[in-house]
Amino acid sequence: MESWMQECWMTVVAEFSDLGDAAEITRVIVRLTVAVVLGAMLGYERESVGASAGLRTHMLVSLGSALFVLIPLQAGMPLMDVSRVLQGVTAGVGFLGAGAILKSQSENQITGLTTAAGVWLTAAIGVAAGMGREGTAVLSALFALVILSLLKFKAKPPRLIQELTDNKQE
């Protein structure tokens, strides 16, 4: 019975051996923390303007994206195979963002495009952090914050489209 217990314990220890040394633990903590913090920055900005995807959503998207690339890299998967993982993450998050896009029938207006694009970009930032490209992730998040916070004007539709819309409503 004692050898069975010892074998079970050794199996449990082996299952948690993916973070075997201090360097690997630090690497994972830094990459995931960067992903979460940058996702939080973008999510906070979106939540502050009342967007449907806010703080928690952006944090989870960034963290999930980072994990999807970090785990295959830890497992020693070749970069060519990791590119297939990236394709899946990109497409999957695109579907997630599509859920935020709404078309108002009464106003001929589409809303949620910025939220969808923000979620998609947050996933890319998470991928960058997960792949160990923290500098690129930080720079991209700063660009996103500039775009989201400084460019808050709404463009008017071209005059022809506005006239057609006005005539249709009459």
Protein backbone atom coordinates (compact mmCIF):
# COMPACT_ATOMS: atom_id res chain seq x y z
CA MET A 1 0.00 0.00 0.00
CA GLU A 2 2.85 2.36 0.81
CA SER A 3 4.45 1.90 -2.63
CA TRP A 4 1.08 2.66 -4.23
CA MET A 5 0.79 5.90 -2.25
CA GLN A 6 4.35 6.82 -3.13
CA GLU A 7 3.67 6.15 -6.82
CA CYS A 8 0.54 8.34 -6.66
CA TRP A 9 2.48 11.13 -5.02
CA MET A 10 5.26 10.92 -7.63
CA THR A 11 2.63 11.09 -10.37
CA VAL A 12 1.10 14.22 -8.83
CA VAL A 13 4.55 15.82 -8.56
CA ALA A 14 5.28 14.94 -12.20
CA GLU A 15 1.98 16.49 -13.30
CA PHE A 16 3.03 19.82 -11.81
CA SER A 17 6.59 19.70 -13.15
CA ASP A 18 5.95 22.11 -16.04
CA LEU A 19 7.19 24.89 -13.76
CA GLY A 20 10.30 23.11 -12.60
CA ASP A 21 12.85 25.85 -12.07
CA ALA A 22 12.86 29.47 -10.96
CA ALA A 23 13.61 30.79 -14.46
CA GLU A 24 10.57 29.06 -15.96
CA ILE A 25 8.30 30.15 -13.11
CA THR A 26 9.48 33.76 -13.50
CA ARG A 27 9.03 33.63 -17.28
CA VAL A 28 5.43 32.40 -16.98
CA ILE A 29 4.56 34.90 -14.24
CA VAL A 30 5.99 37.84 -16.21
CA ARG A 31 4.29 36.90 -19.47
CA LEU A 32 0.89 36.25 -17.92
CA THR A 33 1.09 39.33 -15.70
CA VAL A 34 1.93 41.56 -18.66
CA ALA A 35 -0.99 40.08 -20.60
CA VAL A 36 -3.43 40.64 -17.73
CA VAL A 37 -2.23 44.19 -16.94
CA LEU A 38 -2.37 45.30 -20.57
CA GLY A 39 -5.78 43.70 -21.02
CA ALA A 40 -6.92 45.52 -17.89
CA MET A 41 -5.71 48.86 -19.23
CA LEU A 42 -7.66 48.45 -22.44
CA GLY A 43 -10.66 47.00 -20.66
CA TYR A 44 -10.78 49.85 -18.17
CA GLU A 45 -10.81 52.38 -20.99
CA ARG A 46 -13.64 50.52 -22.75
CA GLU A 47 -15.62 50.14 -19.53
CA SER A 48 -15.22 53.83 -18.73
CA VAL A 49 -17.03 54.73 -21.96
CA GLY A 50 -19.77 52.15 -21.39
CA ALA A 51 -18.70 49.60 -24.02
CA SER A 52 -20.24 46.15 -23.78
CA ALA A 53 -16.85 44.44 -23.32
CA GLY A 54 -15.08 45.94 -20.33
CA LEU A 55 -12.38 45.28 -17.81
CA ARG A 56 -12.92 41.60 -17.06
CA THR A 57 -13.58 40.64 -20.67
CA HIS A 58 -10.40 42.27 -21.94
CA MET A 59 -8.35 40.78 -19.11
CA LEU A 60 -9.67 37.29 -19.82
CA VAL A 61 -9.19 37.59 -23.59
CA SER A 62 -5.60 38.75 -23.13
CA LEU A 63 -4.81 36.08 -20.55
CA GLY A 64 -6.44 33.33 -22.62
CA SER A 65 -4.57 34.36 -25.75
CA ALA A 66 -1.29 34.43 -23.86
CA LEU A 67 -1.95 30.93 -22.52
CA PHE A 68 -2.83 29.57 -25.94
CA VAL A 69 0.65 30.41 -27.21
CA LEU A 70 2.63 30.02 -24.00
CA ILE A 71 1.62 26.40 -23.40
CA PRO A 72 2.69 25.11 -26.84
CA LEU A 73 5.97 27.01 -26.52
CA GLN A 74 6.56 25.43 -23.09
CA ALA A 75 5.84 22.02 -24.57
CA GLY A 76 8.50 22.58 -27.24
CA MET A 77 6.09 22.78 -30.15
CA PRO A 78 7.77 24.02 -33.35
CA LEU A 79 6.92 27.60 -34.38
CA MET A 80 5.22 26.33 -37.54
CA ASP A 81 2.73 24.47 -35.36
CA VAL A 82 2.31 27.45 -33.05
CA SER A 83 1.27 29.44 -36.12
CA ARG A 84 -1.75 27.13 -36.44
CA VAL A 85 -2.62 27.88 -32.83
CA LEU A 86 -2.41 31.59 -33.66
CA GLN A 87 -4.78 31.11 -36.57
CA GLY A 88 -7.28 29.46 -34.27
CA VAL A 89 -7.00 32.19 -31.64
CA THR A 90 -7.41 34.92 -34.26
CA ALA A 91 -10.50 33.32 -35.76
CA GLY A 92 -12.01 32.42 -32.40
CA VAL A 93 -11.65 35.89 -30.97
CA GLY A 94 -13.08 37.26 -34.21
CA PHE A 95 -16.26 35.30 -33.51
CA LEU A 96 -16.29 36.60 -29.94
CA GLY A 97 -16.02 40.16 -31.19
CA ALA A 98 -18.75 39.58 -33.76
CA GLY A 99 -21.17 39.11 -30.89
CA ALA A 100 -20.62 42.73 -29.88
CA ILE A 101 -21.63 44.13 -33.28
CA LEU A 102 -25.26 45.24 -33.53
CA LYS A 103 -27.20 46.82 -36.36
CA SER A 104 -30.03 49.11 -35.38
CA GLN A 105 -32.84 48.77 -37.92
CA SER A 106 -34.55 51.98 -36.94
CA GLU A 107 -31.48 54.20 -37.28
CA ASN A 108 -29.47 52.39 -39.99
CA GLN A 109 -26.58 52.44 -37.57
CA ILE A 110 -24.03 49.78 -36.66
CA THR A 111 -22.60 49.76 -33.15
CA GLY A 112 -19.98 47.67 -31.42
CA LEU A 113 -17.33 47.74 -34.14
CA THR A 114 -14.80 49.49 -31.89
CA THR A 115 -15.54 47.04 -29.08
CA ALA A 116 -15.06 44.08 -31.43
CA ALA A 117 -11.83 45.53 -32.79
CA GLY A 118 -10.63 46.23 -29.25
CA VAL A 119 -11.26 42.64 -28.15
CA TRP A 120 -9.46 41.38 -31.24
CA LEU A 121 -6.48 43.69 -30.60
CA THR A 122 -6.42 42.69 -26.93
CA ALA A 123 -6.07 39.07 -28.02
CA ALA A 124 -3.13 40.02 -30.24
CA ILE A 125 -1.51 41.85 -27.33
CA GLY A 126 -2.00 38.77 -25.17
CA VAL A 127 -0.38 36.63 -27.87
CA ALA A 128 2.60 38.98 -27.99
CA ALA A 129 3.00 38.79 -24.22
CA GLY A 130 2.59 35.01 -24.20
CA MET A 131 5.27 34.61 -26.84
CA GLY A 132 7.74 36.65 -24.81
CA ARG A 133 7.40 39.83 -26.84
CA GLU A 134 6.48 42.00 -23.88
CA GLY A 135 7.96 45.17 -25.36
CA THR A 136 5.84 44.77 -28.49
CA ALA A 137 2.79 44.05 -26.33
CA VAL A 138 3.31 47.20 -24.24
CA LEU A 139 3.91 49.39 -27.28
CA SER A 140 0.80 48.01 -29.02
CA ALA A 141 -1.32 48.60 -25.91
CA LEU A 142 -0.07 52.18 -25.71
CA PHE A 143 -0.97 52.74 -29.35
CA ALA A 144 -4.42 51.28 -28.66
CA LEU A 145 -4.94 53.57 -25.69
CA VAL A 146 -3.98 56.58 -27.77
CA ILE A 147 -6.41 55.55 -30.50
CA LEU A 148 -9.24 54.83 -28.06
CA SER A 149 -8.79 57.87 -25.85
CA LEU A 150 -7.67 60.61 -28.22
CA LEU A 151 -9.76 59.79 -31.27
CA LYS A 152 -13.23 59.84 -29.75
CA PHE A 153 -15.04 61.78 -32.46
CA LYS A 154 -17.84 60.35 -34.56
CA ALA A 155 -17.53 60.90 -38.27
CA LYS A 156 -20.60 62.12 -40.08
CA PRO A 157 -21.79 59.93 -42.96
CA PRO A 158 -21.03 61.22 -46.44
CA ARG A 159 -23.61 63.74 -47.67
CA LEU A 160 -25.08 61.41 -50.30
CA ILE A 161 -25.69 58.66 -47.76
CA GLN A 162 -27.19 61.17 -45.32
CA GLU A 163 -29.55 62.49 -48.03
CA LEU A 164 -30.62 58.97 -49.01
CA THR A 165 -31.26 58.11 -45.37
CA ASP A 166 -33.24 61.30 -44.81
CA ASN A 167 -35.35 60.71 -47.95
CA LYS A 168 -36.04 57.13 -46.93
CA GLN A 169 -37.36 58.22 -43.54
CA GLU A 170 -39.77 60.78 -45.04
